[in-house]
PDB file of N, CA and C in Angstrom:
ATOM      1  N   ARG A   1       9.092  -8.762  -1.343  1.00  0.00           N
ATOM      2  CA  ARG A   1       7.643  -8.836  -1.370  1.00  0.00           C
ATOM      3  C   ARG A   1       7.073  -9.368  -0.065  1.00  0.00           C
ATOM      4  N   ALA A   2       7.693  -8.963   1.024  1.00  0.00           N
ATOM      5  CA  ALA A   2       7.257  -9.426   2.346  1.00  0.00           C
ATOM      6  C   ALA A   2       6.237  -8.494   2.975  1.00  0.00           C
ATOM      7  N   GLY A   3       5.760  -7.522   2.218  1.00  0.00           N
ATOM      8  CA  GLY A   3       4.805  -6.556   2.754  1.00  0.00           C
ATOM      9  C   GLY A   3       5.485  -5.246   3.103  1.00  0.00           C
ATOM     10  N   TYR A   4       4.701  -4.197   3.169  1.00  0.00           N
ATOM     11  CA  TYR A   4       5.224  -2.897   3.581  1.00  0.00           C
ATOM     12  C   TYR A   4       5.683  -2.984   5.031  1.00  0.00           C
ATOM     13  N   ASP A   5       6.571  -2.083   5.427  1.00  0.00           N
ATOM     14  CA  ASP A   5       7.052  -2.052   6.813  1.00  0.00           C
ATOM     15  C   ASP A   5       5.982  -1.367   7.667  1.00  0.00           C
ATOM     16  N   ILE A   6       5.034  -2.148   8.132  1.00  0.00           N
ATOM     17  CA  ILE A   6       3.874  -1.631   8.859  1.00  0.00           C
ATOM     18  C   ILE A   6       4.296  -0.915  10.138  1.00  0.00           C
ATOM     19  N   GLU A   7       5.249  -1.457  10.841  1.00  0.00           N
ATOM     20  CA  GLU A   7       5.720  -0.822  12.073  1.00  0.00           C
ATOM     21  C   GLU A   7       6.293   0.563  11.785  1.00  0.00           C
ATOM     22  N   MET A   8       7.070   0.687  10.709  1.00  0.00           N
ATOM     23  CA  MET A   8       7.662   1.979  10.354  1.00  0.00           C
ATOM     24  C   MET A   8       6.582   2.967   9.912  1.00  0.00           C
ATOM     25  N   ILE A   9       5.614   2.498   9.151  1.00  0.00           N
ATOM     26  CA  ILE A   9       4.523   3.372   8.715  1.00  0.00           C
ATOM     27  C   ILE A   9       3.766   3.897   9.930  1.00  0.00           C
ATOM     28  N   SER A  10       3.442   3.027  10.862  1.00  0.00           N
ATOM     29  CA  SER A  10       2.724   3.432  12.077  1.00  0.00           C
ATOM     30  C   SER A  10       3.527   4.427  12.896  1.00  0.00           C
ATOM     31  N   LEU A  11       4.814   4.178  13.040  1.00  0.00           N
ATOM     32  CA  LEU A  11       5.690   5.075  13.790  1.00  0.00           C
ATOM     33  C   LEU A  11       5.771   6.443  13.119  1.00  0.00           C
ATOM     34  N   ALA A  12       5.957   6.449  11.812  1.00  0.00           N
ATOM     35  CA  ALA A  12       6.030   7.716  11.079  1.00  0.00           C
ATOM     36  C   ALA A  12       4.716   8.485  11.211  1.00  0.00           C
ATOM     37  N   ARG A  13       3.600   7.786  11.121  1.00  0.00           N
ATOM     38  CA  ARG A  13       2.292   8.446  11.224  1.00  0.00           C
ATOM     39  C   ARG A  13       2.090   9.069  12.598  1.00  0.00           C
ATOM     40  N   ARG A  14       2.548   8.412  13.647  1.00  0.00           N
ATOM     41  CA  ARG A  14       2.395   8.956  15.000  1.00  0.00           C
ATOM     42  C   ARG A  14       3.189  10.242  15.194  1.00  0.00           C
ATOM     43  N   HIS A  15       4.260  10.414  14.452  1.00  0.00           N
ATOM     44  CA  HIS A  15       5.152  11.554  14.660  1.00  0.00           C
ATOM     45  C   HIS A  15       5.113  12.587  13.539  1.00  0.00           C
ATOM     46  N   CYS A  16       4.337  12.352  12.518  1.00  0.00           N
ATOM     47  CA  CYS A  16       4.356  13.239  11.358  1.00  0.00           C
ATOM     48  C   CYS A  16       2.952  13.374  10.787  1.00  0.00           C
ATOM     49  N   ARG A  17       2.553  14.586  10.479  1.00  0.00           N
ATOM     50  CA  ARG A  17       1.218  14.818   9.923  1.00  0.00           C
ATOM     51  C   ARG A  17       1.249  15.168   8.438  1.00  0.00           C
ATOM     52  N   THR A  18       2.428  15.212   7.834  1.00  0.00           N
ATOM     53  CA  THR A  18       2.500  15.451   6.395  1.00  0.00           C
ATOM     54  C   THR A  18       2.065  14.184   5.661  1.00  0.00           C
ATOM     55  N   PRO A  19       1.693  14.296   4.390  1.00  0.00           N
ATOM     56  CA  PRO A  19       1.293  13.099   3.651  1.00  0.00           C
ATOM     57  C   PRO A  19       2.388  12.024   3.698  1.00  0.00           C
ATOM     58  N   LEU A  20       1.986  10.822   3.968  1.00  0.00           N
ATOM     59  CA  LEU A  20       2.916   9.708   4.127  1.00  0.00           C
ATOM     60  C   LEU A  20       2.738   8.732   2.966  1.00  0.00           C
ATOM     61  N   ILE A  21       3.818   8.524   2.220  1.00  0.00           N
ATOM     62  CA  ILE A  21       3.793   7.628   1.071  1.00  0.00           C
ATOM     63  C   ILE A  21       4.633   6.399   1.400  1.00  0.00           C
ATOM     64  N   ALA A  22       4.007   5.241   1.408  1.00  0.00           N
ATOM     65  CA  ALA A  22       4.712   3.989   1.693  1.00  0.00           C
ATOM     66  C   ALA A  22       5.255   3.418   0.388  1.00  0.00           C
ATOM     67  N   SER A  23       6.480   2.931   0.441  1.00  0.00           N
ATOM     68  CA  SER A  23       7.121   2.412  -0.759  1.00  0.00           C
ATOM     69  C   SER A  23       7.839   1.108  -0.462  1.00  0.00           C
ATOM     70  N   GLY A  24       7.642   0.144  -1.315  1.00  0.00           N
ATOM     71  CA  GLY A  24       8.420  -1.083  -1.259  1.00  0.00           C
ATOM     72  C   GLY A  24       7.842  -2.173  -0.394  1.00  0.00           C
ATOM     73  N   GLY A  25       7.793  -3.378  -0.940  1.00  0.00           N
ATOM     74  CA  GLY A  25       7.433  -4.531  -0.152  1.00  0.00           C
ATOM     75  C   GLY A  25       6.129  -5.216  -0.500  1.00  0.00           C
ATOM     76  N   ALA A  26       5.269  -4.580  -1.274  1.00  0.00           N
ATOM     77  CA  ALA A  26       3.965  -5.188  -1.565  1.00  0.00           C
ATOM     78  C   ALA A  26       4.141  -6.519  -2.281  1.00  0.00           C
ATOM     79  N   GLY A  27       3.494  -7.537  -1.747  1.00  0.00           N
ATOM     80  CA  GLY A  27       3.555  -8.851  -2.362  1.00  0.00           C
ATOM     81  C   GLY A  27       2.197  -9.511  -2.467  1.00  0.00           C
ATOM     82  N   SER A  28       1.208  -8.917  -1.795  1.00  0.00           N
ATOM     83  CA  SER A  28      -0.158  -9.447  -1.850  1.00  0.00           C
ATOM     84  C   SER A  28      -1.133  -8.278  -1.873  1.00  0.00           C
ATOM     85  N   LEU A  29      -2.347  -8.560  -2.263  1.00  0.00           N
ATOM     86  CA  LEU A  29      -3.360  -7.509  -2.281  1.00  0.00           C
ATOM     87  C   LEU A  29      -3.627  -6.982  -0.880  1.00  0.00           C
ATOM     88  N   ASN A  30      -3.562  -7.829   0.110  1.00  0.00           N
ATOM     89  CA  ASN A  30      -3.801  -7.395   1.486  1.00  0.00           C
ATOM     90  C   ASN A  30      -2.703  -6.488   2.015  1.00  0.00           C
ATOM     91  N   ASP A  31      -1.495  -6.572   1.449  1.00  0.00           N
ATOM     92  CA  ASP A  31      -0.410  -5.688   1.883  1.00  0.00           C
ATOM     93  C   ASP A  31      -0.783  -4.223   1.673  1.00  0.00           C
ATOM     94  N   PHE A  32      -1.500  -3.927   0.601  1.00  0.00           N
ATOM     95  CA  PHE A  32      -1.920  -2.552   0.334  1.00  0.00           C
ATOM     96  C   PHE A  32      -2.877  -2.067   1.422  1.00  0.00           C
ATOM     97  N   GLU A  33      -3.830  -2.885   1.773  1.00  0.00           N
ATOM     98  CA  GLU A  33      -4.788  -2.520   2.823  1.00  0.00           C
ATOM     99  C   GLU A  33      -4.105  -2.317   4.166  1.00  0.00           C
ATOM    100  N   LYS A  34      -3.172  -3.183   4.502  1.00  0.00           N
ATOM    101  CA  LYS A  34      -2.458  -3.073   5.779  1.00  0.00           C
ATOM    102  C   LYS A  34      -1.681  -1.763   5.863  1.00  0.00           C
ATOM    103  N   ALA A  35      -1.065  -1.348   4.765  1.00  0.00           N
ATOM    104  CA  ALA A  35      -0.299  -0.102   4.762  1.00  0.00           C
ATOM    105  C   ALA A  35      -1.215   1.104   4.935  1.00  0.00           C
ATOM    106  N   ILE A  36      -2.362   1.085   4.295  1.00  0.00           N
ATOM    107  CA  ILE A  36      -3.327   2.176   4.456  1.00  0.00           C
ATOM    108  C   ILE A  36      -3.830   2.209   5.896  1.00  0.00           C
ATOM    109  N   ALA A  37      -4.164   1.051   6.434  1.00  0.00           N
ATOM    110  CA  ALA A  37      -4.656   0.977   7.815  1.00  0.00           C
ATOM    111  C   ALA A  37      -3.604   1.449   8.811  1.00  0.00           C
ATOM    112  N   ALA A  38      -2.330   1.268   8.483  1.00  0.00           N
ATOM    113  CA  ALA A  38      -1.242   1.693   9.370  1.00  0.00           C
ATOM    114  C   ALA A  38      -1.010   3.195   9.320  1.00  0.00           C
ATOM    115  N   GLY A  39      -1.594   3.870   8.306  1.00  0.00           N
ATOM    116  CA  GLY A  39      -1.482   5.314   8.253  1.00  0.00           C
ATOM    117  C   GLY A  39      -0.936   5.903   6.975  1.00  0.00           C
ATOM    118  N   ALA A  40      -0.632   5.085   5.992  1.00  0.00           N
ATOM    119  CA  ALA A  40      -0.122   5.614   4.723  1.00  0.00           C
ATOM    120  C   ALA A  40      -1.235   6.347   3.977  1.00  0.00           C
ATOM    121  N   ASP A  41      -0.876   7.482   3.386  1.00  0.00           N
ATOM    122  CA  ASP A  41      -1.827   8.244   2.576  1.00  0.00           C
ATOM    123  C   ASP A  41      -1.798   7.802   1.120  1.00  0.00           C
ATOM    124  N   ALA A  42      -0.655   7.285   0.696  1.00  0.00           N
ATOM    125  CA  ALA A  42      -0.484   6.816  -0.677  1.00  0.00           C
ATOM    126  C   ALA A  42       0.507   5.658  -0.660  1.00  0.00           C
ATOM    127  N   LEU A  43       0.457   4.859  -1.720  1.00  0.00           N
ATOM    128  CA  LEU A  43       1.312   3.677  -1.789  1.00  0.00           C
ATOM    129  C   LEU A  43       2.038   3.622  -3.121  1.00  0.00           C
ATOM    130  N   LEU A  44       3.274   3.165  -3.073  1.00  0.00           N
ATOM    131  CA  LEU A  44       4.044   2.908  -4.285  1.00  0.00           C
ATOM    132  C   LEU A  44       4.212   1.408  -4.430  1.00  0.00           C
ATOM    133  N   ALA A  45       4.244   0.954  -5.656  1.00  0.00           N
ATOM    134  CA  ALA A  45       4.536  -0.448  -5.948  1.00  0.00           C
ATOM    135  C   ALA A  45       5.099  -0.496  -7.362  1.00  0.00           C
ATOM    136  N   ALA A  46       6.043  -1.373  -7.593  1.00  0.00           N
ATOM    137  CA  ALA A  46       6.622  -1.473  -8.929  1.00  0.00           C
ATOM    138  C   ALA A  46       6.868  -2.920  -9.343  1.00  0.00           C
ATOM    139  N   SER A  47       7.691  -3.634  -8.587  1.00  0.00           N
ATOM    140  CA  SER A  47       8.117  -4.962  -9.048  1.00  0.00           C
ATOM    141  C   SER A  47       6.949  -5.930  -9.220  1.00  0.00           C
ATOM    142  N   ILE A  48       5.915  -5.810  -8.393  1.00  0.00           N
ATOM    143  CA  ILE A  48       4.783  -6.730  -8.558  1.00  0.00           C
ATOM    144  C   ILE A  48       4.076  -6.510  -9.894  1.00  0.00           C
ATOM    145  N   PHE A  49       4.211  -5.294 -10.434  1.00  0.00           N
ATOM    146  CA  PHE A  49       3.638  -5.012 -11.749  1.00  0.00           C
ATOM    147  C   PHE A  49       4.625  -5.385 -12.857  1.00  0.00           C
ATOM    148  N   HIS A  50       5.896  -5.038 -12.671  1.00  0.00           N
ATOM    149  CA  HIS A  50       6.909  -5.349 -13.687  1.00  0.00           C
ATOM    150  C   HIS A  50       7.019  -6.844 -13.950  1.00  0.00           C
ATOM    151  N   PHE A  51       6.916  -7.633 -12.887  1.00  0.00           N
ATOM    152  CA  PHE A  51       7.075  -9.078 -13.026  1.00  0.00           C
ATOM    153  C   PHE A  51       5.747  -9.814 -13.175  1.00  0.00           C
ATOM    154  N   GLY A  52       4.668  -9.069 -13.321  1.00  0.00           N
ATOM    155  CA  GLY A  52       3.374  -9.667 -13.617  1.00  0.00           C
ATOM    156  C   GLY A  52       2.691 -10.387 -12.467  1.00  0.00           C
ATOM    157  N   VAL A  53       3.089 -10.075 -11.230  1.00  0.00           N
ATOM    158  CA  VAL A  53       2.437 -10.698 -10.075  1.00  0.00           C
ATOM    159  C   VAL A  53       0.979 -10.257 -10.006  1.00  0.00           C
ATOM    160  N   PHE A  54       0.741  -8.967 -10.204  1.00  0.00           N
ATOM    161  CA  PHE A  54      -0.607  -8.401 -10.256  1.00  0.00           C
ATOM    162  C   PHE A  54      -0.664  -7.358 -11.356  1.00  0.00           C
ATOM    163  N   ARG A  55      -1.856  -7.122 -11.857  1.00  0.00           N
ATOM    164  CA  ARG A  55      -2.093  -6.008 -12.766  1.00  0.00           C
ATOM    165  C   ARG A  55      -2.528  -4.811 -11.928  1.00  0.00           C
ATOM    166  N   ILE A  56      -2.209  -3.621 -12.391  1.00  0.00           N
ATOM    167  CA  ILE A  56      -2.592  -2.405 -11.675  1.00  0.00           C
ATOM    168  C   ILE A  56      -4.106  -2.383 -11.462  1.00  0.00           C
ATOM    169  N   GLY A  57      -4.839  -2.724 -12.492  1.00  0.00           N
ATOM    170  CA  GLY A  57      -6.296  -2.731 -12.392  1.00  0.00           C
ATOM    171  C   GLY A  57      -6.816  -3.669 -11.319  1.00  0.00           C
ATOM    172  N   ALA A  58      -6.148  -4.796 -11.129  1.00  0.00           N
ATOM    173  CA  ALA A  58      -6.579  -5.752 -10.105  1.00  0.00           C
ATOM    174  C   ALA A  58      -6.395  -5.178  -8.705  1.00  0.00           C
ATOM    175  N   VAL A  59      -5.297  -4.457  -8.505  1.00  0.00           N
ATOM    176  CA  VAL A  59      -5.051  -3.836  -7.197  1.00  0.00           C
ATOM    177  C   VAL A  59      -6.088  -2.748  -6.942  1.00  0.00           C
ATOM    178  N   LYS A  60      -6.333  -1.917  -7.950  1.00  0.00           N
ATOM    179  CA  LYS A  60      -7.329  -0.856  -7.801  1.00  0.00           C
ATOM    180  C   LYS A  60      -8.713  -1.437  -7.515  1.00  0.00           C
ATOM    181  N   GLU A  61      -9.071  -2.461  -8.239  1.00  0.00           N
ATOM    182  CA  GLU A  61     -10.383  -3.086  -8.033  1.00  0.00           C
ATOM    183  C   GLU A  61     -10.494  -3.670  -6.627  1.00  0.00           C
ATOM    184  N   HIS A  62      -9.452  -4.334  -6.168  1.00  0.00           N
ATOM    185  CA  HIS A  62      -9.455  -4.908  -4.819  1.00  0.00           C
ATOM    186  C   HIS A  62      -9.660  -3.816  -3.769  1.00  0.00           C
ATOM    187  N   LEU A  63      -8.938  -2.716  -3.909  1.00  0.00           N
ATOM    188  CA  LEU A  63      -9.053  -1.632  -2.929  1.00  0.00           C
ATOM    189  C   LEU A  63     -10.418  -0.953  -3.005  1.00  0.00           C
ATOM    190  N   ARG A  64     -10.940  -0.753  -4.209  1.00  0.00           N
ATOM    191  CA  ARG A  64     -12.296  -0.184  -4.350  1.00  0.00           C
ATOM    192  C   ARG A  64     -13.325  -1.086  -3.673  1.00  0.00           C
ATOM    193  N   ASN A  65     -13.203  -2.380  -3.912  1.00  0.00           N
ATOM    194  CA  ASN A  65     -14.139  -3.340  -3.314  1.00  0.00           C
ATOM    195  C   ASN A  65     -14.014  -3.394  -1.798  1.00  0.00           C
ATOM    196  N   SER A  66     -12.878  -2.939  -1.287  1.00  0.00           N
ATOM    197  CA  SER A  66     -12.658  -2.898   0.166  1.00  0.00           C
ATOM    198  C   SER A  66     -13.068  -1.559   0.761  1.00  0.00           C
ATOM    199  N   GLY A  67     -13.602  -0.659  -0.091  1.00  0.00           N
ATOM    200  CA  GLY A  67     -14.128   0.605   0.399  1.00  0.00           C
ATOM    201  C   GLY A  67     -13.195   1.800   0.311  1.00  0.00           C
ATOM    202  N   TYR A  68     -12.047   1.644  -0.351  1.00  0.00           N
ATOM    203  CA  TYR A  68     -11.106   2.757  -0.469  1.00  0.00           C
ATOM    204  C   TYR A  68     -11.382   3.555  -1.734  1.00  0.00           C
ATOM    205  N   ILE A  69     -11.106   4.846  -1.675  1.00  0.00           N
ATOM    206  CA  ILE A  69     -11.253   5.718  -2.835  1.00  0.00           C
ATOM    207  C   ILE A  69      -9.952   5.645  -3.627  1.00  0.00           C
ATOM    208  N   ILE A  70     -10.060   5.261  -4.881  1.00  0.00           N
ATOM    209  CA  ILE A  70      -8.900   5.039  -5.739  1.00  0.00           C
ATOM    210  C   ILE A  70      -9.036   5.892  -6.994  1.00  0.00           C
ATOM    211  N   ARG A  71      -7.912   6.454  -7.438  1.00  0.00           N
ATOM    212  CA  ARG A  71      -7.923   7.199  -8.705  1.00  0.00           C
ATOM    213  C   ARG A  71      -7.714   6.260  -9.865  1.00  0.00           C
TER     214      ARG A  71
END
């Protein structure tokens, strides 16, 4: 839960134009924003939900409040 690999996401985005899905590492609500800002088109998260660190709705609400379009 140390955050997404922002350097890897940025590097992949610079060299690839296909949709980029970041997976693994989210430990805070800001980690999601950082991954999007680095170039991720979509994000995966699991353990933070399985272990009750955050609720899915809380993450969606945080991102909506930050101006992101969320399904």
